[in-house]
Amino acid sequence: MTNQPTRKNIIPESLVPRLGEQLVEMGLITAEQLSQSLGYQHQCGERGRQIPLGQAIMELGFLDRPTLDQAVAEQILRLRSALEDANHNLELRVQQRTLELEEALRRLSDSNKLKSNFIANISHELRTPLTHIRGYLDLLNAGTFGEMNPDQKKAVSLSLQGSLRLQSLIDDLILFSQSQRGQMTLSIGPVDLNKLARNMQIRYKKRAAENQLTIDIKVDPNIPTVQADEEKISWVIAQLLSNAIKFNKPGGKISLMMMRDRATNNMVNVYVADTGIGISQDQIKEIFEPFVQIDGSSTRRYGGTGLGLALVLQIIEAHGSIINVKSEVDKGTTVSFPLLITKGE
């Protein structure tokens, strides 16, 4: 026969907290009688007989059972009423707080829309005069307005580099404002990763060398095409390579690798790795926040708006993919993401 757990009987007066104080406040017993009852209860306990306070009060003859039960019932009703009032007040507070949070969320949404519209408008306004500046700088550089001496050529060349950098920042701001307003569109089609990798090598080989870095491209020549927006995925990889150069150290190495995922066989994993300054694990989430640099000194030393990786994340997620970051301070960073292989390949 299975032993059943012993179930303690619930005595009504045990439901009333500070029963003795309540009886005193109700005028049913005196403070001295309460003290005597507590002492009697303690003595019984020492003799191995555990009794509730109400039982001690009755055994001492201070109250009879009907009076005690009536007092306890009255107190339970009062407690129940107080609990119902507290629950009602809590519900009202929760409703009020919910409305406040909804209003705060609406204001935040309006603020974000206003910010995105402001960024978009300013960016487009900046693009027009910049186009004129770029045009005249190109004409000067080409000698259209006559020959220039070496110092003038150098000045024009530096101005062109600055205008290209400014153009890149403006394009990033426009792309960011589009993504914030839900206007980022993808033109999905088959992308040749070998071709993309070759373009990246041509584009960044010289820049890496200027920073005393080596760049290594590893792509399986038989790797299949992937389904992606070629322009935006190219931008993502370019941004990751730019960061790998920016946050690296002289003598360091950068790697761009693309390989088929053997576990799923329907994806290609893209890796951009560097041997640069790295970041701590608790800072990884921060780098994907818009307009955020790890710290002020980073902003001053390395430059940038802090938009690049925020856009990288949004573009990768728009492709239905995820981005992974592994990093260690002073040892480097590896950023990777998978892309779906074109059906039939």
Protein backbone atom coordinates (compact mmCIF):
# COMPACT_ATOMS: atom_id res chain seq x y z
CA MET A 1 0.00 0.00 0.00
CA THR A 2 1.42 3.33 -1.05
CA ASN A 3 1.99 5.82 1.73
CA GLN A 4 0.07 9.03 1.10
CA PRO A 5 1.67 12.32 2.16
CA THR A 6 0.27 13.75 5.36
CA ARG A 7 -1.97 16.70 4.60
CA LYS A 8 -2.20 19.33 7.33
CA ASN A 9 -5.66 20.62 8.21
CA ILE A 10 -6.07 24.31 7.47
CA ILE A 11 -7.42 26.07 10.55
CA PRO A 12 -9.46 29.23 9.71
CA GLU A 13 -7.58 31.42 12.15
CA SER A 14 -4.28 30.49 10.39
CA LEU A 15 -5.51 32.47 7.39
CA VAL A 16 -5.52 35.72 9.39
CA PRO A 17 -2.08 37.30 9.77
CA ARG A 18 -1.29 38.64 13.29
CA LEU A 19 -4.49 37.10 14.68
CA GLY A 20 -3.71 38.18 18.24
CA GLU A 21 -3.23 41.82 17.27
CA GLN A 22 -6.47 41.73 15.29
CA LEU A 23 -8.41 40.38 18.30
CA VAL A 24 -6.96 43.10 20.51
CA GLU A 25 -7.88 45.81 17.97
CA MET A 26 -11.44 44.38 17.82
CA GLY A 27 -11.66 44.63 21.64
CA LEU A 28 -12.28 40.91 22.10
CA ILE A 29 -9.21 40.34 24.27
CA THR A 30 -6.77 42.62 26.08
CA ALA A 31 -3.09 43.04 25.33
CA GLU A 32 -2.32 41.29 28.64
CA GLN A 33 -4.50 38.32 27.67
CA LEU A 34 -2.70 38.14 24.32
CA SER A 35 0.64 38.06 26.12
CA GLN A 36 -0.59 35.28 28.43
CA SER A 37 -1.91 33.30 25.44
CA LEU A 38 1.41 33.58 23.59
CA GLY A 39 3.26 32.41 26.71
CA TYR A 40 0.87 29.48 27.12
CA GLN A 41 1.30 28.55 23.42
CA HIS A 42 5.09 28.58 23.89
CA GLN A 43 4.90 26.36 26.99
CA CYS A 44 2.75 23.84 25.15
CA GLY A 45 5.27 23.80 22.32
CA GLU A 46 8.12 23.07 24.71
CA ARG A 47 6.16 20.06 25.99
CA GLY A 48 5.77 18.77 22.43
CA ARG A 49 2.19 19.95 21.96
CA GLN A 50 1.97 22.41 19.10
CA ILE A 51 -1.26 24.42 19.19
CA PRO A 52 -2.41 27.49 17.23
CA LEU A 53 -2.83 30.81 19.01
CA GLY A 54 -6.61 30.64 18.73
CA GLN A 55 -6.62 27.30 20.54
CA ALA A 56 -4.43 28.76 23.32
CA ILE A 57 -6.84 31.71 23.72
CA MET A 58 -9.82 29.35 24.04
CA GLU A 59 -8.09 26.98 26.46
CA LEU A 60 -7.29 29.91 28.73
CA GLY A 61 -10.98 30.85 28.59
CA PHE A 62 -10.51 34.27 27.04
CA LEU A 63 -12.81 33.46 24.07
CA ASP A 64 -15.20 30.67 23.11
CA ARG A 65 -15.19 28.93 19.74
CA PRO A 66 -18.23 30.73 18.21
CA THR A 67 -16.82 34.16 19.10
CA LEU A 68 -13.37 33.24 17.74
CA ASP A 69 -14.83 31.81 14.53
CA GLN A 70 -16.97 34.90 14.00
CA ALA A 71 -13.97 37.19 14.52
CA VAL A 72 -11.82 35.13 12.16
CA ALA A 73 -14.56 35.06 9.49
CA GLU A 74 -14.94 38.83 9.74
CA GLN A 75 -11.21 39.35 9.34
CA ILE A 76 -11.04 36.97 6.36
CA LEU A 77 -13.85 38.93 4.67
CA ARG A 78 -11.98 42.18 5.31
CA LEU A 79 -8.77 40.71 3.93
CA ARG A 80 -10.60 39.37 0.90
CA SER A 81 -12.16 42.77 0.25
CA ALA A 82 -8.78 44.47 0.66
CA LEU A 83 -7.21 41.95 -1.74
CA GLU A 84 -9.94 42.54 -4.33
CA ASP A 85 -9.44 46.31 -4.03
CA ALA A 86 -5.68 45.86 -4.39
CA ASN A 87 -6.14 43.67 -7.47
CA HIS A 88 -8.54 46.20 -9.00
CA ASN A 89 -6.10 49.04 -8.35
CA LEU A 90 -3.29 46.95 -9.79
CA GLU A 91 -5.29 46.29 -12.95
CA LEU A 92 -5.99 50.01 -13.30
CA ARG A 93 -2.28 50.79 -12.84
CA VAL A 94 -1.32 48.15 -15.39
CA GLN A 95 -3.84 49.58 -17.89
CA GLN A 96 -2.58 53.10 -17.28
CA ARG A 97 1.05 52.01 -17.61
CA THR A 98 0.25 50.11 -20.81
CA LEU A 99 -1.34 53.23 -22.30
CA GLU A 100 1.70 55.28 -21.27
CA LEU A 101 4.06 52.77 -22.88
CA GLU A 102 1.98 52.67 -26.07
CA GLU A 103 2.07 56.46 -26.23
CA ALA A 104 5.84 56.47 -25.62
CA LEU A 105 6.26 53.87 -28.37
CA ARG A 106 4.16 55.96 -30.76
CA ARG A 107 6.25 59.04 -30.01
CA LEU A 108 9.44 57.05 -30.50
CA SER A 109 8.16 55.75 -33.81
CA ASP A 110 7.26 59.27 -34.91
CA SER A 111 10.69 60.48 -33.78
CA ASN A 112 12.43 57.71 -35.76
CA LYS A 113 10.38 58.54 -38.86
CA LEU A 114 11.24 62.22 -38.47
CA LYS A 115 14.92 61.36 -38.07
CA SER A 116 14.89 59.09 -41.12
CA ASN A 117 13.12 61.72 -43.22
CA PHE A 118 15.57 64.37 -42.06
CA ILE A 119 18.56 62.15 -42.91
CA ALA A 120 17.10 61.31 -46.31
CA ASN A 121 16.35 64.94 -47.19
CA ILE A 122 19.72 66.24 -46.04
CA SER A 123 21.56 63.43 -47.84
CA HIS A 124 19.80 64.16 -51.13
CA GLU A 125 20.47 67.88 -50.74
CA LEU A 126 24.16 67.19 -50.13
CA ARG A 127 24.40 64.88 -53.13
CA THR A 128 23.53 67.60 -55.69
CA PRO A 129 26.34 70.09 -54.90
CA LEU A 130 28.76 67.23 -54.38
CA THR A 131 28.04 66.01 -57.90
CA HIS A 132 29.03 69.45 -59.25
CA ILE A 133 32.22 69.48 -57.16
CA ARG A 134 33.14 65.98 -58.33
CA GLY A 135 32.51 66.94 -61.94
CA TYR A 136 34.84 69.93 -61.88
CA LEU A 137 37.50 68.02 -59.96
CA ASP A 138 37.41 65.29 -62.62
CA LEU A 139 37.80 67.94 -65.35
CA LEU A 140 40.72 69.53 -63.52
CA ASN A 141 42.35 66.15 -62.98
CA ALA A 142 41.95 65.30 -66.67
CA GLY A 143 43.70 68.56 -67.71
CA THR A 144 40.61 69.98 -69.40
CA PHE A 145 41.34 73.46 -68.02
CA GLY A 146 45.03 73.30 -68.76
CA GLU A 147 48.15 71.72 -67.40
CA MET A 148 48.78 71.76 -63.65
CA ASN A 149 52.03 71.76 -61.75
CA PRO A 150 52.79 68.82 -59.38
CA ASP A 151 51.47 70.60 -56.29
CA GLN A 152 48.22 71.44 -58.03
CA LYS A 153 47.81 67.84 -59.23
CA LYS A 154 48.38 66.57 -55.71
CA ALA A 155 45.82 69.01 -54.31
CA VAL A 156 43.22 67.98 -56.90
CA SER A 157 43.94 64.28 -56.28
CA LEU A 158 43.44 64.70 -52.52
CA SER A 159 40.26 66.66 -53.15
CA LEU A 160 38.96 63.86 -55.36
CA GLN A 161 39.69 61.30 -52.65
CA GLY A 162 37.83 63.45 -50.13
CA SER A 163 34.85 63.85 -52.43
CA LEU A 164 34.73 60.08 -53.01
CA ARG A 165 34.76 59.53 -49.26
CA LEU A 166 31.99 62.09 -48.81
CA GLN A 167 29.97 60.46 -51.58
CA SER A 168 30.30 57.10 -49.83
CA LEU A 169 29.07 58.57 -46.53
CA ILE A 170 26.08 60.21 -48.23
CA ASP A 171 25.18 56.95 -49.98
CA ASP A 172 25.33 55.14 -46.63
CA LEU A 173 23.02 57.73 -45.06
CA ILE A 174 20.50 57.40 -47.91
CA LEU A 175 20.57 53.60 -47.69
CA PHE A 176 20.13 53.79 -43.91
CA SER A 177 17.16 56.15 -44.16
CA GLN A 178 15.55 53.81 -46.72
CA SER A 179 15.99 50.80 -44.44
CA GLN A 180 14.56 52.71 -41.46
CA ARG A 181 11.46 53.62 -43.46
CA GLY A 182 11.05 50.09 -44.77
CA GLN A 183 11.95 51.19 -48.29
CA MET A 184 14.97 48.94 -48.77
CA THR A 185 14.24 46.72 -51.76
CA LEU A 186 16.19 43.68 -52.92
CA SER A 187 16.73 42.63 -56.51
CA ILE A 188 17.30 38.91 -56.00
CA GLY A 189 19.04 36.88 -58.69
CA PRO A 190 21.94 34.45 -59.20
CA VAL A 191 25.26 35.95 -58.08
CA ASP A 192 28.62 34.67 -59.33
CA LEU A 193 30.79 34.66 -56.19
CA ASN A 194 34.04 34.05 -58.07
CA LYS A 195 33.46 37.18 -60.14
CA LEU A 196 32.51 39.13 -57.03
CA ALA A 197 35.64 37.96 -55.19
CA ARG A 198 37.91 38.92 -58.10
CA ASN A 199 36.42 42.40 -58.15
CA MET A 200 37.03 42.74 -54.42
CA GLN A 201 40.64 41.65 -54.79
CA ILE A 202 41.24 44.23 -57.51
CA ARG A 203 39.47 46.90 -55.52
CA TYR A 204 41.25 46.34 -52.19
CA LYS A 205 44.66 44.94 -53.05
CA LYS A 206 46.27 48.36 -53.45
CA ARG A 207 44.55 49.82 -50.40
CA ALA A 208 45.68 46.87 -48.28
CA ALA A 209 49.26 47.26 -49.49
CA GLU A 210 49.21 50.98 -48.67
CA ASN A 211 48.34 50.00 -45.09
CA GLN A 212 51.10 47.34 -45.01
CA LEU A 213 48.55 44.53 -45.06
CA THR A 214 48.17 41.41 -47.17
CA ILE A 215 44.80 40.31 -48.54
CA ASP A 216 44.05 36.66 -49.30
CA ILE A 217 41.08 35.53 -51.40
CA LYS A 218 39.98 31.88 -51.21
CA VAL A 219 37.03 30.79 -53.31
CA ASP A 220 36.34 27.34 -54.73
CA PRO A 221 36.42 27.80 -58.55
CA ASN A 222 33.44 25.42 -58.82
CA ILE A 223 31.37 27.16 -56.19
CA PRO A 224 27.73 27.56 -57.32
CA THR A 225 25.90 30.85 -57.69
CA VAL A 226 23.82 32.14 -54.78
CA GLN A 227 20.45 33.87 -54.63
CA ALA A 228 21.10 37.46 -53.56
CA ASP A 229 21.01 41.12 -54.48
CA GLU A 230 24.41 41.41 -56.14
CA GLU A 231 24.80 45.15 -55.59
CA LYS A 232 23.91 45.03 -51.89
CA ILE A 233 25.88 41.86 -51.11
CA SER A 234 28.88 43.42 -52.86
CA TRP A 235 28.40 46.48 -50.68
CA VAL A 236 28.28 44.28 -47.55
CA ILE A 237 31.52 42.48 -48.41
CA ALA A 238 33.18 45.77 -49.36
CA GLN A 239 32.14 47.27 -46.03
CA LEU A 240 33.52 44.27 -44.11
CA LEU A 241 36.81 44.43 -46.03
CA SER A 242 37.06 48.18 -45.41
CA ASN A 243 36.60 47.58 -41.69
CA ALA A 244 39.15 44.77 -41.76
CA ILE A 245 41.67 47.21 -43.25
CA LYS A 246 40.68 50.13 -41.01
CA PHE A 247 40.93 48.17 -37.75
CA ASN A 248 44.01 46.14 -38.62
CA LYS A 249 47.68 46.64 -37.79
CA PRO A 250 50.72 46.99 -40.09
CA GLY A 251 51.93 43.55 -41.09
CA GLY A 252 48.45 42.12 -40.56
CA LYS A 253 46.41 39.88 -42.82
CA ILE A 254 42.90 39.99 -44.29
CA SER A 255 41.08 36.97 -45.69
CA LEU A 256 37.95 36.70 -47.84
CA MET A 257 36.73 33.11 -48.03
CA MET A 258 33.67 31.60 -49.68
CA MET A 259 32.95 27.90 -49.32
CA ARG A 260 30.00 25.57 -49.68
CA ASP A 261 28.38 24.50 -46.42
CA ARG A 262 28.89 20.73 -46.39
CA ALA A 263 26.42 20.26 -43.54
CA THR A 264 23.41 21.68 -45.42
CA ASN A 265 24.80 21.51 -48.99
CA ASN A 266 22.39 24.27 -50.02
CA MET A 267 24.30 27.28 -48.72
CA VAL A 268 27.58 29.10 -49.22
CA ASN A 269 29.32 30.56 -46.20
CA VAL A 270 31.06 33.91 -46.68
CA TYR A 271 33.89 34.81 -44.27
CA VAL A 272 35.83 38.05 -43.83
CA ALA A 273 38.65 37.66 -41.29
CA ASP A 274 41.41 39.94 -40.06
CA THR A 275 44.26 39.94 -37.56
CA GLY A 276 43.39 43.39 -36.24
CA ILE A 277 42.54 44.97 -32.91
CA GLY A 278 39.44 42.86 -32.25
CA ILE A 279 36.75 43.58 -29.65
CA SER A 280 35.52 41.93 -26.47
CA GLN A 281 32.53 39.57 -26.52
CA ASP A 282 30.29 41.95 -24.56
CA GLN A 283 30.80 44.68 -27.19
CA ILE A 284 29.82 42.63 -30.24
CA LYS A 285 26.13 43.65 -30.14
CA GLU A 286 27.08 47.32 -29.84
CA ILE A 287 28.88 47.43 -33.20
CA PHE A 288 25.61 46.82 -35.05
CA GLU A 289 23.86 49.82 -33.47
CA PRO A 290 23.43 52.84 -35.81
CA PHE A 291 25.79 55.78 -35.24
CA VAL A 292 27.70 53.83 -32.57
CA GLN A 293 31.45 53.44 -32.24
CA ILE A 294 32.92 51.34 -29.45
CA ASP A 295 34.25 54.48 -27.79
CA GLY A 296 35.09 58.10 -28.49
CA SER A 297 38.77 57.42 -29.07
CA SER A 298 37.81 54.85 -31.72
CA THR A 299 35.76 57.46 -33.55
CA ARG A 300 38.59 59.97 -33.52
CA ARG A 301 41.28 57.48 -34.48
CA TYR A 302 39.50 55.43 -37.12
CA GLY A 303 36.76 57.76 -38.33
CA GLY A 304 33.38 56.76 -39.72
CA THR A 305 29.73 57.42 -38.90
CA GLY A 306 29.06 54.08 -37.23
CA LEU A 307 26.46 53.23 -39.90
CA GLY A 308 28.37 50.60 -41.85
CA LEU A 309 27.80 47.52 -39.71
CA ALA A 310 24.23 48.58 -38.87
CA LEU A 311 23.48 48.50 -42.61
CA VAL A 312 25.41 45.25 -43.05
CA LEU A 313 23.15 43.62 -40.47
CA GLN A 314 19.97 44.96 -42.05
CA ILE A 315 20.98 43.84 -45.56
CA ILE A 316 21.96 40.35 -44.38
CA GLU A 317 18.72 39.97 -42.42
CA ALA A 318 16.75 41.24 -45.44
CA HIS A 319 18.22 38.25 -47.31
CA GLY A 320 16.78 35.95 -44.64
CA SER A 321 20.26 35.21 -43.36
CA ILE A 322 22.11 35.76 -40.08
CA ILE A 323 25.47 37.31 -39.30
CA ASN A 324 28.02 35.78 -36.93
CA VAL A 325 30.94 37.56 -35.31
CA LYS A 326 33.87 35.97 -33.54
CA SER A 327 36.44 38.32 -32.11
CA GLU A 328 39.22 38.50 -29.57
CA VAL A 329 40.96 41.64 -28.39
CA ASP A 330 44.36 42.16 -30.11
CA LYS A 331 43.95 38.94 -32.13
CA GLY A 332 41.39 39.79 -34.78
CA THR A 333 37.81 39.37 -35.94
CA THR A 334 35.93 37.00 -38.23
CA VAL A 335 32.53 37.97 -39.64
CA SER A 336 30.51 35.36 -41.53
CA PHE A 337 27.07 34.82 -43.03
CA PRO A 338 25.43 32.12 -45.21
CA LEU A 339 23.74 32.67 -48.58
CA LEU A 340 21.30 30.31 -50.25
CA ILE A 341 22.55 28.47 -53.34
CA THR A 342 20.58 28.95 -56.55
CA LYS A 343 18.13 26.09 -57.10
CA GLY A 344 19.38 23.39 -59.44
CA GLU A 345 23.09 23.97 -58.71
